[in-house]
């Protein structure tokens, strides 16, 4: 739908994956997650991949977890496996989400379901405030770098891993505008140049694409 919407406005979008993710599937993880389902826990999700991986192990069980997550898209995904009343906090960035948890004052332990390339902003900040973090790795991220032969007016990045993968074999023209799904992804982009960076109003893949479409539609209207 978005590709069609863009094309109708004379904006062409190529979809090129620079990372792949796959859930961790083994008996040890299954036992670990199953053992947590009957506990009252504070649980953190910073990606839909983590929600999906954990959700598949739950087999329809809805634990009484207190859930904190990043972004409306991840929140929506959480509600496909958990009751909405379980969601205690939502933020647009890992550091802000950590602040929300710290502000609760009564949380001393959290379970962080994450990938193998997880960033340190959230667990690092929580530990600085004496909150114990149990990290459970539920998915893996693989970089699938390849060279891009054409130049683009804009490139949209949806994760720091994708940024790293892209720039491991590519460079961008200084005029190329780089869109980032969040502040963490934007910080990673800054390591590779001085291009103009536009950060998503909220961390959603669809909304970032719409933001880019609207940006160039406005640009084309005025030029």
N, C-alpha and C. Protein backbone atom coordinates (compact mmCIF):
# COMPACT_ATOMS: atom_id res chain seq x y z
N UNK A 1 0.82 -1.21 0.00
CA UNK A 1 0.00 0.00 0.00
C UNK A 1 0.85 1.27 0.00
N UNK A 2 1.88 1.29 0.87
CA UNK A 2 2.74 2.48 0.94
C UNK A 2 3.51 2.68 -0.36
N UNK A 3 3.98 1.58 -0.95
CA UNK A 3 4.73 1.68 -2.21
C UNK A 3 3.83 2.24 -3.30
N UNK A 4 2.58 1.79 -3.32
CA UNK A 4 1.61 2.28 -4.30
C UNK A 4 1.30 3.75 -4.06
N UNK A 5 1.10 4.09 -2.78
CA UNK A 5 0.80 5.48 -2.41
C UNK A 5 1.93 6.40 -2.85
N UNK A 6 3.17 5.94 -2.63
CA UNK A 6 4.34 6.74 -3.03
C UNK A 6 4.41 6.88 -4.54
N UNK A 7 4.18 5.77 -5.25
CA UNK A 7 4.25 5.78 -6.72
C UNK A 7 3.23 6.74 -7.31
N UNK A 8 2.04 6.82 -6.68
CA UNK A 8 1.00 7.74 -7.16
C UNK A 8 1.44 9.19 -7.03
N UNK A 9 2.43 9.42 -6.16
CA UNK A 9 2.95 10.78 -5.96
C UNK A 9 4.32 10.94 -6.63
N UNK A 10 4.59 10.04 -7.58
CA UNK A 10 5.86 10.06 -8.35
C UNK A 10 7.09 9.89 -7.46
N UNK A 11 6.92 9.14 -6.38
CA UNK A 11 8.05 8.81 -5.51
C UNK A 11 8.24 7.30 -5.56
N UNK A 12 9.39 6.86 -6.01
CA UNK A 12 9.66 5.43 -6.13
C UNK A 12 10.46 4.94 -4.94
N UNK A 13 10.03 3.84 -4.34
CA UNK A 13 10.70 3.28 -3.17
C UNK A 13 11.20 1.87 -3.50
N UNK A 14 12.49 1.64 -3.27
CA UNK A 14 13.06 0.29 -3.35
C UNK A 14 13.17 -0.27 -1.95
N UNK A 15 12.77 -1.52 -1.77
CA UNK A 15 12.91 -2.18 -0.47
C UNK A 15 14.09 -3.13 -0.54
N UNK A 16 15.14 -2.83 0.22
CA UNK A 16 16.37 -3.62 0.18
C UNK A 16 16.75 -4.02 1.61
N UNK A 17 16.61 -5.30 1.97
CA UNK A 17 16.94 -5.72 3.34
C UNK A 17 18.45 -5.78 3.58
N UNK A 18 18.89 -5.17 4.69
CA UNK A 18 20.31 -5.22 5.06
C UNK A 18 20.55 -6.04 6.32
N UNK A 19 19.45 -6.50 6.93
CA UNK A 19 19.58 -7.43 8.06
C UNK A 19 18.48 -8.48 7.94
N UNK A 20 18.71 -9.60 8.57
CA UNK A 20 17.68 -10.62 8.74
C UNK A 20 17.64 -10.99 10.21
N UNK A 21 16.47 -11.34 10.69
CA UNK A 21 16.36 -11.79 12.09
C UNK A 21 15.72 -13.17 12.11
N UNK A 22 16.10 -13.94 13.11
CA UNK A 22 15.43 -15.23 13.29
C UNK A 22 15.31 -15.53 14.78
N UNK A 23 14.17 -16.10 15.20
CA UNK A 23 13.98 -16.38 16.62
C UNK A 23 14.90 -17.50 17.09
N UNK A 24 15.25 -17.45 18.36
CA UNK A 24 16.00 -18.54 18.98
C UNK A 24 14.99 -19.64 19.33
N UNK A 25 15.24 -20.82 18.84
CA UNK A 25 14.31 -21.93 19.11
C UNK A 25 15.09 -23.08 19.73
N UNK A 26 14.90 -23.29 21.02
CA UNK A 26 15.49 -24.45 21.68
C UNK A 26 14.74 -24.75 22.98
N UNK A 27 14.95 -25.95 23.48
CA UNK A 27 14.22 -26.41 24.67
C UNK A 27 14.57 -25.60 25.91
N UNK A 28 15.83 -25.20 26.01
CA UNK A 28 16.28 -24.44 27.18
C UNK A 28 15.52 -23.12 27.29
N UNK A 29 15.39 -22.42 26.15
CA UNK A 29 14.67 -21.15 26.15
C UNK A 29 13.18 -21.38 26.43
N UNK A 30 12.64 -22.45 25.86
CA UNK A 30 11.24 -22.78 26.10
C UNK A 30 10.98 -22.98 27.59
N UNK A 31 11.84 -23.74 28.25
CA UNK A 31 11.70 -23.99 29.69
C UNK A 31 11.83 -22.69 30.47
N UNK A 32 12.78 -21.85 30.06
CA UNK A 32 13.03 -20.59 30.75
C UNK A 32 11.81 -19.68 30.68
N UNK A 33 11.23 -19.52 29.48
CA UNK A 33 10.06 -18.65 29.31
C UNK A 33 8.84 -19.24 30.02
N UNK A 34 8.67 -20.55 29.88
CA UNK A 34 7.53 -21.22 30.53
C UNK A 34 7.58 -21.04 32.04
N UNK A 35 8.78 -21.10 32.62
CA UNK A 35 8.93 -20.96 34.07
C UNK A 35 8.58 -19.56 34.55
N UNK A 36 8.64 -18.58 33.63
CA UNK A 36 8.34 -17.19 34.01
C UNK A 36 6.86 -16.85 33.90
N UNK A 37 6.09 -17.71 33.22
CA UNK A 37 4.70 -17.35 32.92
C UNK A 37 3.82 -17.27 34.17
N UNK A 38 4.21 -17.99 35.24
CA UNK A 38 3.38 -17.94 36.45
C UNK A 38 3.94 -16.99 37.51
N UNK A 39 4.87 -16.11 37.07
CA UNK A 39 5.44 -15.14 37.99
C UNK A 39 4.96 -13.72 37.66
N UNK A 40 4.78 -12.91 38.70
CA UNK A 40 4.45 -11.50 38.48
C UNK A 40 5.75 -10.75 38.23
N UNK A 41 5.97 -10.40 36.98
CA UNK A 41 7.26 -9.81 36.58
C UNK A 41 7.07 -8.48 35.88
N UNK A 42 8.14 -7.67 35.90
CA UNK A 42 8.21 -6.50 35.03
C UNK A 42 9.04 -6.90 33.83
N UNK A 43 8.45 -6.78 32.64
CA UNK A 43 9.07 -7.28 31.41
C UNK A 43 9.25 -6.13 30.43
N UNK A 44 10.38 -6.16 29.71
CA UNK A 44 10.68 -5.09 28.75
C UNK A 44 10.86 -5.67 27.35
N UNK A 45 10.19 -5.03 26.37
CA UNK A 45 10.37 -5.35 24.95
C UNK A 45 10.78 -4.07 24.23
N UNK A 46 11.87 -4.12 23.47
CA UNK A 46 12.26 -2.95 22.68
C UNK A 46 12.15 -3.23 21.18
N UNK A 47 11.61 -4.39 20.81
CA UNK A 47 11.40 -4.68 19.38
C UNK A 47 10.27 -5.67 19.19
N UNK A 48 9.64 -5.58 18.01
CA UNK A 48 8.58 -6.52 17.67
C UNK A 48 9.13 -7.93 17.52
N UNK A 49 10.39 -8.04 17.10
CA UNK A 49 11.00 -9.37 16.95
C UNK A 49 11.02 -10.12 18.28
N UNK A 50 11.31 -9.40 19.35
CA UNK A 50 11.35 -10.01 20.68
C UNK A 50 9.95 -10.43 21.11
N UNK A 51 8.97 -9.57 20.86
CA UNK A 51 7.58 -9.89 21.21
C UNK A 51 7.13 -11.14 20.49
N UNK A 52 7.41 -11.20 19.20
CA UNK A 52 7.00 -12.33 18.37
C UNK A 52 7.65 -13.63 18.85
N UNK A 53 8.95 -13.56 19.15
CA UNK A 53 9.68 -14.76 19.59
C UNK A 53 9.12 -15.29 20.90
N UNK A 54 8.86 -14.38 21.85
CA UNK A 54 8.32 -14.80 23.15
C UNK A 54 6.89 -15.28 23.00
N UNK A 55 6.10 -14.55 22.21
CA UNK A 55 4.70 -14.90 22.03
C UNK A 55 4.49 -16.31 21.52
N UNK A 56 5.38 -16.76 20.64
CA UNK A 56 5.26 -18.11 20.08
C UNK A 56 5.52 -19.19 21.12
N UNK A 57 6.30 -18.85 22.15
CA UNK A 57 6.57 -19.82 23.22
C UNK A 57 5.42 -19.86 24.24
N UNK A 58 4.58 -18.83 24.26
CA UNK A 58 3.53 -18.76 25.28
C UNK A 58 2.36 -19.68 25.00
N UNK A 59 2.16 -20.03 23.70
CA UNK A 59 1.07 -20.94 23.32
C UNK A 59 -0.28 -20.51 23.87
N UNK A 60 -0.58 -19.23 23.75
CA UNK A 60 -1.89 -18.74 24.18
C UNK A 60 -1.98 -18.37 25.65
N UNK A 61 -0.97 -18.72 26.45
CA UNK A 61 -0.95 -18.32 27.86
C UNK A 61 -0.74 -16.80 27.92
N UNK A 62 -1.46 -16.14 28.81
CA UNK A 62 -1.30 -14.70 28.99
C UNK A 62 -0.80 -14.43 30.41
N UNK A 63 0.51 -14.37 30.60
CA UNK A 63 1.06 -14.16 31.95
C UNK A 63 0.67 -12.81 32.52
N UNK A 64 0.67 -12.72 33.83
CA UNK A 64 0.36 -11.46 34.49
C UNK A 64 1.63 -10.62 34.63
N UNK A 65 2.20 -10.26 33.48
CA UNK A 65 3.41 -9.46 33.47
C UNK A 65 3.07 -7.98 33.36
N UNK A 66 3.93 -7.18 33.93
CA UNK A 66 3.83 -5.72 33.82
C UNK A 66 4.80 -5.35 32.68
N UNK A 67 4.25 -4.89 31.57
CA UNK A 67 5.05 -4.76 30.35
C UNK A 67 5.37 -3.30 30.01
N UNK A 68 6.65 -3.07 29.70
CA UNK A 68 7.10 -1.77 29.18
C UNK A 68 7.65 -2.01 27.78
N UNK A 69 7.29 -1.15 26.83
CA UNK A 69 7.75 -1.39 25.45
C UNK A 69 8.00 -0.08 24.72
N UNK A 70 8.68 -0.20 23.58
CA UNK A 70 9.02 0.96 22.76
C UNK A 70 8.07 1.07 21.57
N UNK A 71 7.49 2.25 21.40
CA UNK A 71 6.74 2.56 20.19
C UNK A 71 5.34 1.97 20.10
N UNK A 72 4.47 2.69 19.38
CA UNK A 72 3.09 2.25 19.23
C UNK A 72 2.98 0.97 18.42
N UNK A 73 3.90 0.75 17.46
CA UNK A 73 3.86 -0.46 16.65
C UNK A 73 4.16 -1.69 17.51
N UNK A 74 5.17 -1.57 18.38
CA UNK A 74 5.50 -2.68 19.28
C UNK A 74 4.37 -2.89 20.28
N UNK A 75 3.80 -1.79 20.78
CA UNK A 75 2.68 -1.89 21.72
C UNK A 75 1.52 -2.65 21.08
N UNK A 76 1.21 -2.31 19.83
CA UNK A 76 0.11 -2.98 19.13
C UNK A 76 0.40 -4.47 19.00
N UNK A 77 1.65 -4.79 18.74
CA UNK A 77 2.06 -6.19 18.59
C UNK A 77 1.95 -6.92 19.93
N UNK A 78 2.31 -6.23 21.02
CA UNK A 78 2.21 -6.80 22.36
C UNK A 78 0.78 -7.24 22.65
N UNK A 79 -0.19 -6.42 22.20
CA UNK A 79 -1.60 -6.73 22.49
C UNK A 79 -2.10 -7.95 21.73
N UNK A 80 -1.34 -8.45 20.77
CA UNK A 80 -1.75 -9.67 20.08
C UNK A 80 -1.40 -10.92 20.91
N UNK A 81 -0.55 -10.75 21.92
CA UNK A 81 -0.19 -11.88 22.79
C UNK A 81 -0.58 -11.66 24.25
N UNK A 82 -0.78 -10.40 24.64
CA UNK A 82 -1.06 -10.06 26.04
C UNK A 82 -2.30 -9.17 26.11
N UNK A 83 -2.86 -9.05 27.30
CA UNK A 83 -3.96 -8.10 27.50
C UNK A 83 -3.40 -6.68 27.55
N UNK A 84 -4.16 -5.74 27.01
CA UNK A 84 -3.69 -4.35 26.97
C UNK A 84 -3.45 -3.79 28.38
N UNK A 85 -4.23 -4.28 29.35
CA UNK A 85 -4.07 -3.80 30.73
C UNK A 85 -2.70 -4.14 31.31
N UNK A 86 -1.98 -5.09 30.67
CA UNK A 86 -0.64 -5.45 31.15
C UNK A 86 0.42 -4.43 30.77
N UNK A 87 0.10 -3.56 29.83
CA UNK A 87 1.08 -2.57 29.37
C UNK A 87 1.13 -1.40 30.37
N UNK A 88 2.26 -1.27 31.03
CA UNK A 88 2.41 -0.25 32.07
C UNK A 88 3.11 1.01 31.59
N UNK A 89 3.83 0.91 30.47
CA UNK A 89 4.55 2.09 29.99
C UNK A 89 5.00 1.92 28.56
N UNK A 90 5.02 3.03 27.84
CA UNK A 90 5.46 3.03 26.44
C UNK A 90 6.26 4.30 26.20
N UNK A 91 7.36 4.20 25.46
CA UNK A 91 8.19 5.36 25.15
C UNK A 91 8.73 5.22 23.73
N UNK A 92 9.29 6.31 23.22
CA UNK A 92 9.78 6.31 21.84
C UNK A 92 11.27 5.95 21.72
N UNK A 93 11.96 5.82 22.85
CA UNK A 93 13.39 5.49 22.82
C UNK A 93 13.75 4.67 24.05
N UNK A 94 14.82 3.88 23.92
CA UNK A 94 15.23 2.98 25.01
C UNK A 94 15.57 3.75 26.28
N UNK A 95 16.29 4.85 26.15
CA UNK A 95 16.69 5.62 27.31
C UNK A 95 15.48 6.21 28.03
N UNK A 96 14.50 6.69 27.26
CA UNK A 96 13.27 7.25 27.83
C UNK A 96 12.46 6.17 28.52
N UNK A 97 12.45 4.97 27.91
CA UNK A 97 11.73 3.85 28.50
C UNK A 97 12.36 3.47 29.84
N UNK A 98 13.69 3.49 29.90
CA UNK A 98 14.40 3.22 31.16
C UNK A 98 13.99 4.24 32.22
N UNK A 99 13.88 5.51 31.82
CA UNK A 99 13.46 6.56 32.77
C UNK A 99 12.07 6.29 33.33
N UNK A 100 11.17 5.82 32.45
CA UNK A 100 9.81 5.50 32.88
C UNK A 100 9.82 4.42 33.97
N UNK A 101 10.65 3.40 33.75
CA UNK A 101 10.74 2.29 34.71
C UNK A 101 11.34 2.78 36.03
N UNK A 102 12.40 3.58 35.91
CA UNK A 102 13.06 4.14 37.12
C UNK A 102 12.08 5.00 37.91
N UNK A 103 11.26 5.78 37.21
CA UNK A 103 10.31 6.69 37.87
C UNK A 103 9.23 5.97 38.66
N UNK A 104 9.05 4.68 38.38
CA UNK A 104 8.04 3.91 39.12
C UNK A 104 8.42 3.75 40.61
N UNK A 105 9.71 3.84 40.89
CA UNK A 105 10.25 3.78 42.27
C UNK A 105 10.13 2.41 42.95
N UNK A 106 9.22 1.57 42.48
CA UNK A 106 9.00 0.29 43.17
C UNK A 106 9.47 -0.92 42.36
N UNK A 107 10.25 -0.66 41.30
CA UNK A 107 10.74 -1.77 40.47
C UNK A 107 12.22 -2.00 40.75
N UNK A 108 12.55 -3.21 41.17
CA UNK A 108 13.95 -3.53 41.48
C UNK A 108 14.51 -4.62 40.57
N UNK A 109 13.63 -5.23 39.75
CA UNK A 109 14.06 -6.34 38.88
C UNK A 109 13.21 -6.34 37.62
N UNK A 110 13.87 -6.44 36.45
CA UNK A 110 13.14 -6.57 35.19
C UNK A 110 13.72 -7.70 34.35
N UNK A 111 12.86 -8.27 33.53
CA UNK A 111 13.30 -9.24 32.52
C UNK A 111 13.28 -8.52 31.18
N UNK A 112 14.42 -8.51 30.51
CA UNK A 112 14.56 -7.82 29.22
C UNK A 112 14.70 -8.87 28.13
N UNK A 113 13.64 -9.06 27.33
CA UNK A 113 13.69 -9.97 26.19
C UNK A 113 14.30 -9.20 25.02
N UNK A 114 15.42 -9.69 24.51
CA UNK A 114 16.17 -8.90 23.53
C UNK A 114 16.81 -9.80 22.47
N UNK A 115 17.49 -9.15 21.53
CA UNK A 115 18.24 -9.86 20.50
C UNK A 115 19.72 -9.88 20.84
N UNK A 116 20.49 -10.58 20.05
CA UNK A 116 21.93 -10.71 20.34
C UNK A 116 22.70 -9.43 20.04
N UNK A 117 22.06 -8.47 19.32
CA UNK A 117 22.74 -7.21 19.00
C UNK A 117 22.15 -6.06 19.81
N UNK A 118 21.59 -6.36 20.93
CA UNK A 118 20.91 -5.33 21.72
C UNK A 118 21.87 -4.22 22.14
N UNK A 119 21.35 -3.00 22.23
CA UNK A 119 22.14 -1.85 22.65
C UNK A 119 22.14 -1.76 24.18
N UNK A 120 23.03 -0.94 24.71
CA UNK A 120 23.21 -0.91 26.17
C UNK A 120 22.43 0.20 26.86
N UNK A 121 21.77 1.10 26.08
CA UNK A 121 21.12 2.26 26.71
C UNK A 121 20.18 1.86 27.84
N UNK A 122 19.28 0.93 27.56
CA UNK A 122 18.26 0.59 28.55
C UNK A 122 18.81 -0.22 29.73
N UNK A 123 19.43 -1.38 29.48
CA UNK A 123 19.93 -2.14 30.64
C UNK A 123 21.00 -1.39 31.42
N UNK A 124 21.83 -0.61 30.71
CA UNK A 124 22.89 0.15 31.37
C UNK A 124 22.32 1.17 32.33
N UNK A 125 21.30 1.92 31.87
CA UNK A 125 20.70 2.96 32.71
C UNK A 125 19.98 2.34 33.91
N UNK A 126 19.27 1.23 33.68
CA UNK A 126 18.55 0.58 34.78
C UNK A 126 19.53 0.11 35.86
N UNK A 127 20.63 -0.49 35.42
CA UNK A 127 21.61 -0.99 36.40
C UNK A 127 22.26 0.15 37.18
N UNK A 128 22.43 1.30 36.52
CA UNK A 128 22.98 2.46 37.22
C UNK A 128 22.07 2.90 38.37
N UNK A 129 20.79 2.56 38.25
CA UNK A 129 19.81 2.92 39.28
C UNK A 129 19.45 1.71 40.15
N UNK A 130 20.39 0.77 40.19
CA UNK A 130 20.25 -0.41 41.07
C UNK A 130 19.02 -1.27 40.76
N UNK A 131 18.64 -1.30 39.51
CA UNK A 131 17.58 -2.20 39.08
C UNK A 131 18.24 -3.40 38.39
N UNK A 132 17.98 -4.58 38.91
CA UNK A 132 18.59 -5.79 38.35
C UNK A 132 17.91 -6.12 37.02
N UNK A 133 18.72 -6.45 36.02
CA UNK A 133 18.20 -6.76 34.69
C UNK A 133 18.59 -8.19 34.30
N UNK A 134 17.59 -9.01 34.08
CA UNK A 134 17.84 -10.37 33.56
C UNK A 134 17.59 -10.33 32.06
N UNK A 135 18.65 -10.49 31.27
CA UNK A 135 18.52 -10.44 29.82
C UNK A 135 18.31 -11.85 29.27
N UNK A 136 17.28 -11.97 28.45
CA UNK A 136 17.02 -13.27 27.81
C UNK A 136 17.02 -13.04 26.30
N UNK A 137 17.97 -13.65 25.62
CA UNK A 137 18.13 -13.47 24.18
C UNK A 137 17.16 -14.38 23.44
N UNK A 138 16.23 -13.77 22.72
CA UNK A 138 15.17 -14.55 22.07
C UNK A 138 15.21 -14.49 20.54
N UNK A 139 16.09 -13.65 19.98
CA UNK A 139 16.26 -13.66 18.52
C UNK A 139 17.67 -13.20 18.16
N UNK A 140 18.07 -13.54 16.95
CA UNK A 140 19.39 -13.18 16.46
C UNK A 140 19.26 -12.31 15.22
N UNK A 141 20.21 -11.40 15.05
CA UNK A 141 20.23 -10.50 13.90
C UNK A 141 21.46 -10.79 13.05
N UNK A 142 21.24 -10.93 11.75
CA UNK A 142 22.35 -11.20 10.83
C UNK A 142 22.43 -10.07 9.80
N UNK A 143 23.61 -9.52 9.62
CA UNK A 143 23.79 -8.48 8.62
C UNK A 143 23.89 -9.10 7.23
N UNK A 144 23.16 -8.53 6.28
CA UNK A 144 23.17 -9.03 4.90
C UNK A 144 23.61 -7.90 3.98
N UNK A 145 24.84 -7.48 4.15
CA UNK A 145 25.35 -6.32 3.42
C UNK A 145 25.54 -6.61 1.93
N UNK A 146 25.20 -5.65 1.10
CA UNK A 146 25.48 -5.73 -0.35
C UNK A 146 25.58 -4.32 -0.91
N UNK A 147 26.34 -4.20 -1.97
CA UNK A 147 26.58 -2.87 -2.54
C UNK A 147 25.38 -2.37 -3.34
N UNK A 148 25.09 -1.10 -3.14
CA UNK A 148 24.01 -0.44 -3.88
C UNK A 148 24.63 0.28 -5.07
N UNK A 149 24.09 0.00 -6.26
CA UNK A 149 24.69 0.53 -7.49
C UNK A 149 24.13 1.89 -7.91
N UNK A 150 22.98 2.26 -7.36
CA UNK A 150 22.37 3.53 -7.78
C UNK A 150 22.38 4.52 -6.62
N UNK A 151 22.13 5.79 -6.96
CA UNK A 151 22.08 6.80 -5.91
C UNK A 151 20.62 7.10 -5.59
N UNK A 152 20.38 7.50 -4.34
CA UNK A 152 19.01 7.76 -3.88
C UNK A 152 18.91 9.16 -3.28
N UNK A 153 17.73 9.75 -3.38
CA UNK A 153 17.48 11.04 -2.73
C UNK A 153 17.37 10.85 -1.22
N UNK A 154 16.93 9.66 -0.81
CA UNK A 154 16.78 9.38 0.62
C UNK A 154 16.96 7.90 0.89
N UNK A 155 17.40 7.59 2.09
CA UNK A 155 17.49 6.20 2.54
C UNK A 155 16.85 6.13 3.93
N UNK A 156 16.01 5.14 4.13
CA UNK A 156 15.32 4.97 5.41
C UNK A 156 15.97 3.81 6.17
N UNK A 157 16.33 4.07 7.42
CA UNK A 157 16.95 3.04 8.26
C UNK A 157 16.04 2.70 9.44
N UNK A 158 15.87 1.40 9.64
CA UNK A 158 14.94 0.95 10.68
C UNK A 158 15.61 0.34 11.90
N UNK A 159 16.93 0.27 11.90
CA UNK A 159 17.63 -0.23 13.09
C UNK A 159 19.11 0.13 13.01
N UNK A 160 19.79 0.23 14.16
CA UNK A 160 21.23 0.48 14.14
C UNK A 160 22.00 -0.61 13.40
N UNK A 161 21.54 -1.85 13.49
CA UNK A 161 22.21 -2.97 12.80
C UNK A 161 22.15 -2.78 11.29
N UNK A 162 21.01 -2.29 10.80
CA UNK A 162 20.87 -2.05 9.36
C UNK A 162 21.80 -0.93 8.90
N UNK A 163 21.95 0.09 9.74
CA UNK A 163 22.88 1.19 9.45
C UNK A 163 24.29 0.66 9.29
N UNK A 164 24.70 -0.14 10.27
CA UNK A 164 26.04 -0.70 10.27
C UNK A 164 26.27 -1.58 9.05
N UNK A 165 25.27 -2.40 8.73
CA UNK A 165 25.37 -3.29 7.58
C UNK A 165 25.48 -2.49 6.29
N UNK A 166 24.66 -1.46 6.14
CA UNK A 166 24.67 -0.65 4.92
C UNK A 166 26.03 0.02 4.72
N UNK A 167 26.53 0.69 5.77
CA UNK A 167 27.75 1.46 5.62
C UNK A 167 29.01 0.60 5.62
N UNK A 168 28.87 -0.68 5.90
CA UNK A 168 30.05 -1.56 5.84
C UNK A 168 30.52 -1.74 4.39
N UNK A 169 29.62 -1.51 3.43
CA UNK A 169 30.01 -1.67 2.01
C UNK A 169 29.55 -0.53 1.12
N UNK A 170 28.89 0.48 1.71
CA UNK A 170 28.36 1.59 0.90
C UNK A 170 28.73 2.95 1.48
N UNK A 171 28.70 3.96 0.61
CA UNK A 171 28.81 5.35 1.05
C UNK A 171 27.60 6.09 0.49
N UNK A 172 27.29 7.25 1.07
CA UNK A 172 26.16 8.02 0.56
C UNK A 172 26.64 9.36 0.02
N UNK A 173 25.92 9.84 -0.96
CA UNK A 173 26.14 11.18 -1.47
C UNK A 173 25.75 12.16 -0.35
N UNK A 174 26.47 13.27 -0.24
CA UNK A 174 26.19 14.25 0.82
C UNK A 174 24.77 14.82 0.74
N UNK A 175 24.18 14.76 -0.46
CA UNK A 175 22.83 15.32 -0.64
C UNK A 175 21.74 14.33 -0.23
N UNK A 176 22.10 13.09 -0.04
CA UNK A 176 21.11 12.07 0.33
C UNK A 176 20.60 12.32 1.75
N UNK A 177 19.29 12.37 1.90
CA UNK A 177 18.69 12.58 3.23
C UNK A 177 18.46 11.21 3.87
N UNK A 178 18.88 11.08 5.11
CA UNK A 178 18.77 9.80 5.80
C UNK A 178 17.70 9.89 6.88
N UNK A 179 16.75 8.99 6.80
CA UNK A 179 15.65 8.92 7.77
C UNK A 179 15.93 7.81 8.76
N UNK A 180 15.70 8.08 10.04
CA UNK A 180 15.96 7.10 11.10
C UNK A 180 14.70 6.84 11.90
N UNK A 181 14.47 5.57 12.25
CA UNK A 181 13.26 5.21 12.98
C UNK A 181 13.27 5.71 14.42
N UNK A 182 14.47 6.02 14.94
CA UNK A 182 14.56 6.53 16.31
C UNK A 182 15.91 7.16 16.57
N UNK A 183 16.07 7.68 17.78
CA UNK A 183 17.30 8.39 18.14
C UNK A 183 18.52 7.48 18.14
N UNK A 184 18.34 6.23 18.55
CA UNK A 184 19.47 5.30 18.60
C UNK A 184 19.98 5.02 17.19
N UNK A 185 19.05 4.82 16.27
CA UNK A 185 19.42 4.59 14.86
C UNK A 185 20.08 5.85 14.28
N UNK A 186 19.56 7.02 14.64
CA UNK A 186 20.14 8.28 14.17
C UNK A 186 21.58 8.44 14.68
N UNK A 187 21.82 8.07 15.93
CA UNK A 187 23.17 8.16 16.51
C UNK A 187 24.15 7.28 15.74
N UNK A 188 23.67 6.11 15.33
CA UNK A 188 24.52 5.20 14.55
C UNK A 188 24.84 5.81 13.19
N UNK A 189 23.85 6.44 12.55
CA UNK A 189 24.06 7.07 11.24
C UNK A 189 25.13 8.15 11.33
N UNK A 190 25.11 8.92 12.42
CA UNK A 190 26.05 10.04 12.58
C UNK A 190 27.51 9.59 12.57
N UNK A 191 27.75 8.33 12.90
CA UNK A 191 29.11 7.81 12.90
C UNK A 191 29.70 7.75 11.49
N UNK A 192 28.84 7.81 10.46
CA UNK A 192 29.31 7.55 9.09
C UNK A 192 29.26 8.77 8.18
N UNK A 193 28.96 9.94 8.71
CA UNK A 193 28.96 11.10 7.83
C UNK A 193 28.17 12.26 8.41
N UNK A 194 27.97 13.29 7.56
CA UNK A 194 27.30 14.50 8.01
C UNK A 194 26.02 14.78 7.23
N UNK A 195 25.42 13.74 6.70
CA UNK A 195 24.17 13.92 5.95
C UNK A 195 23.06 14.45 6.85
N UNK A 196 22.09 15.09 6.21
CA UNK A 196 20.90 15.51 6.95
C UNK A 196 20.15 14.27 7.42
N UNK A 197 19.79 14.25 8.71
CA UNK A 197 19.07 13.12 9.29
C UNK A 197 17.71 13.59 9.78
N UNK A 198 16.68 12.86 9.41
CA UNK A 198 15.32 13.14 9.90
C UNK A 198 14.87 11.94 10.73
N UNK A 199 14.50 12.20 11.97
CA UNK A 199 14.09 11.12 12.88
C UNK A 199 12.57 11.01 12.87
N UNK A 200 12.08 9.78 12.87
CA UNK A 200 10.64 9.53 12.85
C UNK A 200 9.95 10.22 14.02
N UNK A 201 8.74 10.73 13.77
CA UNK A 201 7.96 11.35 14.84
C UNK A 201 7.64 10.32 15.93
N UNK A 202 7.45 9.07 15.52
CA UNK A 202 7.35 7.97 16.47
C UNK A 202 7.88 6.71 15.78
N UNK A 203 8.41 5.75 16.58
CA UNK A 203 9.08 4.60 15.98
C UNK A 203 8.14 3.58 15.34
N UNK A 204 7.74 3.87 14.11
CA UNK A 204 6.87 2.97 13.35
C UNK A 204 7.37 2.92 11.92
N UNK A 205 7.52 1.72 11.37
CA UNK A 205 8.03 1.57 10.00
C UNK A 205 7.14 2.30 9.01
N UNK A 206 5.83 2.09 9.14
CA UNK A 206 4.89 2.70 8.20
C UNK A 206 4.90 4.22 8.31
N UNK A 207 4.93 4.71 9.55
CA UNK A 207 4.90 6.17 9.74
C UNK A 207 6.18 6.83 9.25
N UNK A 208 7.31 6.14 9.39
CA UNK A 208 8.57 6.72 8.88
C UNK A 208 8.51 6.81 7.36
N UNK A 209 7.99 5.77 6.71
CA UNK A 209 7.86 5.80 5.25
C UNK A 209 6.91 6.92 4.82
N UNK A 210 5.80 7.08 5.54
CA UNK A 210 4.85 8.15 5.22
C UNK A 210 5.48 9.52 5.42
N UNK A 211 6.30 9.63 6.46
CA UNK A 211 6.99 10.89 6.73
C UNK A 211 7.93 11.25 5.57
N UNK A 212 8.63 10.24 5.07
CA UNK A 212 9.54 10.46 3.93
C UNK A 212 8.75 10.84 2.68
N UNK A 213 7.63 10.14 2.45
CA UNK A 213 6.78 10.46 1.28
C UNK A 213 6.29 11.89 1.37
N UNK A 214 5.79 12.29 2.55
CA UNK A 214 5.28 13.65 2.73
C UNK A 214 6.37 14.70 2.57
N UNK A 215 7.58 14.35 3.05
CA UNK A 215 8.71 15.28 2.94
C UNK A 215 8.99 15.57 1.46
N UNK A 216 9.06 14.51 0.65
CA UNK A 216 9.42 14.71 -0.76
C UNK A 216 8.26 15.23 -1.58
N UNK A 217 7.05 14.92 -1.14
CA UNK A 217 5.88 15.49 -1.82
C UNK A 217 5.90 17.01 -1.65
N UNK A 218 6.19 17.46 -0.43
CA UNK A 218 6.29 18.90 -0.15
C UNK A 218 7.44 19.51 -0.95
N UNK A 219 8.57 18.78 -0.99
CA UNK A 219 9.75 19.26 -1.72
C UNK A 219 9.42 19.42 -3.21
N UNK A 220 8.76 18.41 -3.80
CA UNK A 220 8.43 18.45 -5.22
C UNK A 220 7.43 19.57 -5.53
N UNK A 221 6.53 19.82 -4.57
CA UNK A 221 5.51 20.88 -4.75
C UNK A 221 6.15 22.24 -4.81
N UNK A 222 7.26 22.41 -4.06
CA UNK A 222 7.88 23.73 -3.97
C UNK A 222 9.09 23.90 -4.91
N UNK A 223 9.35 22.89 -5.75
CA UNK A 223 10.49 23.00 -6.67
C UNK A 223 10.06 22.69 -8.09
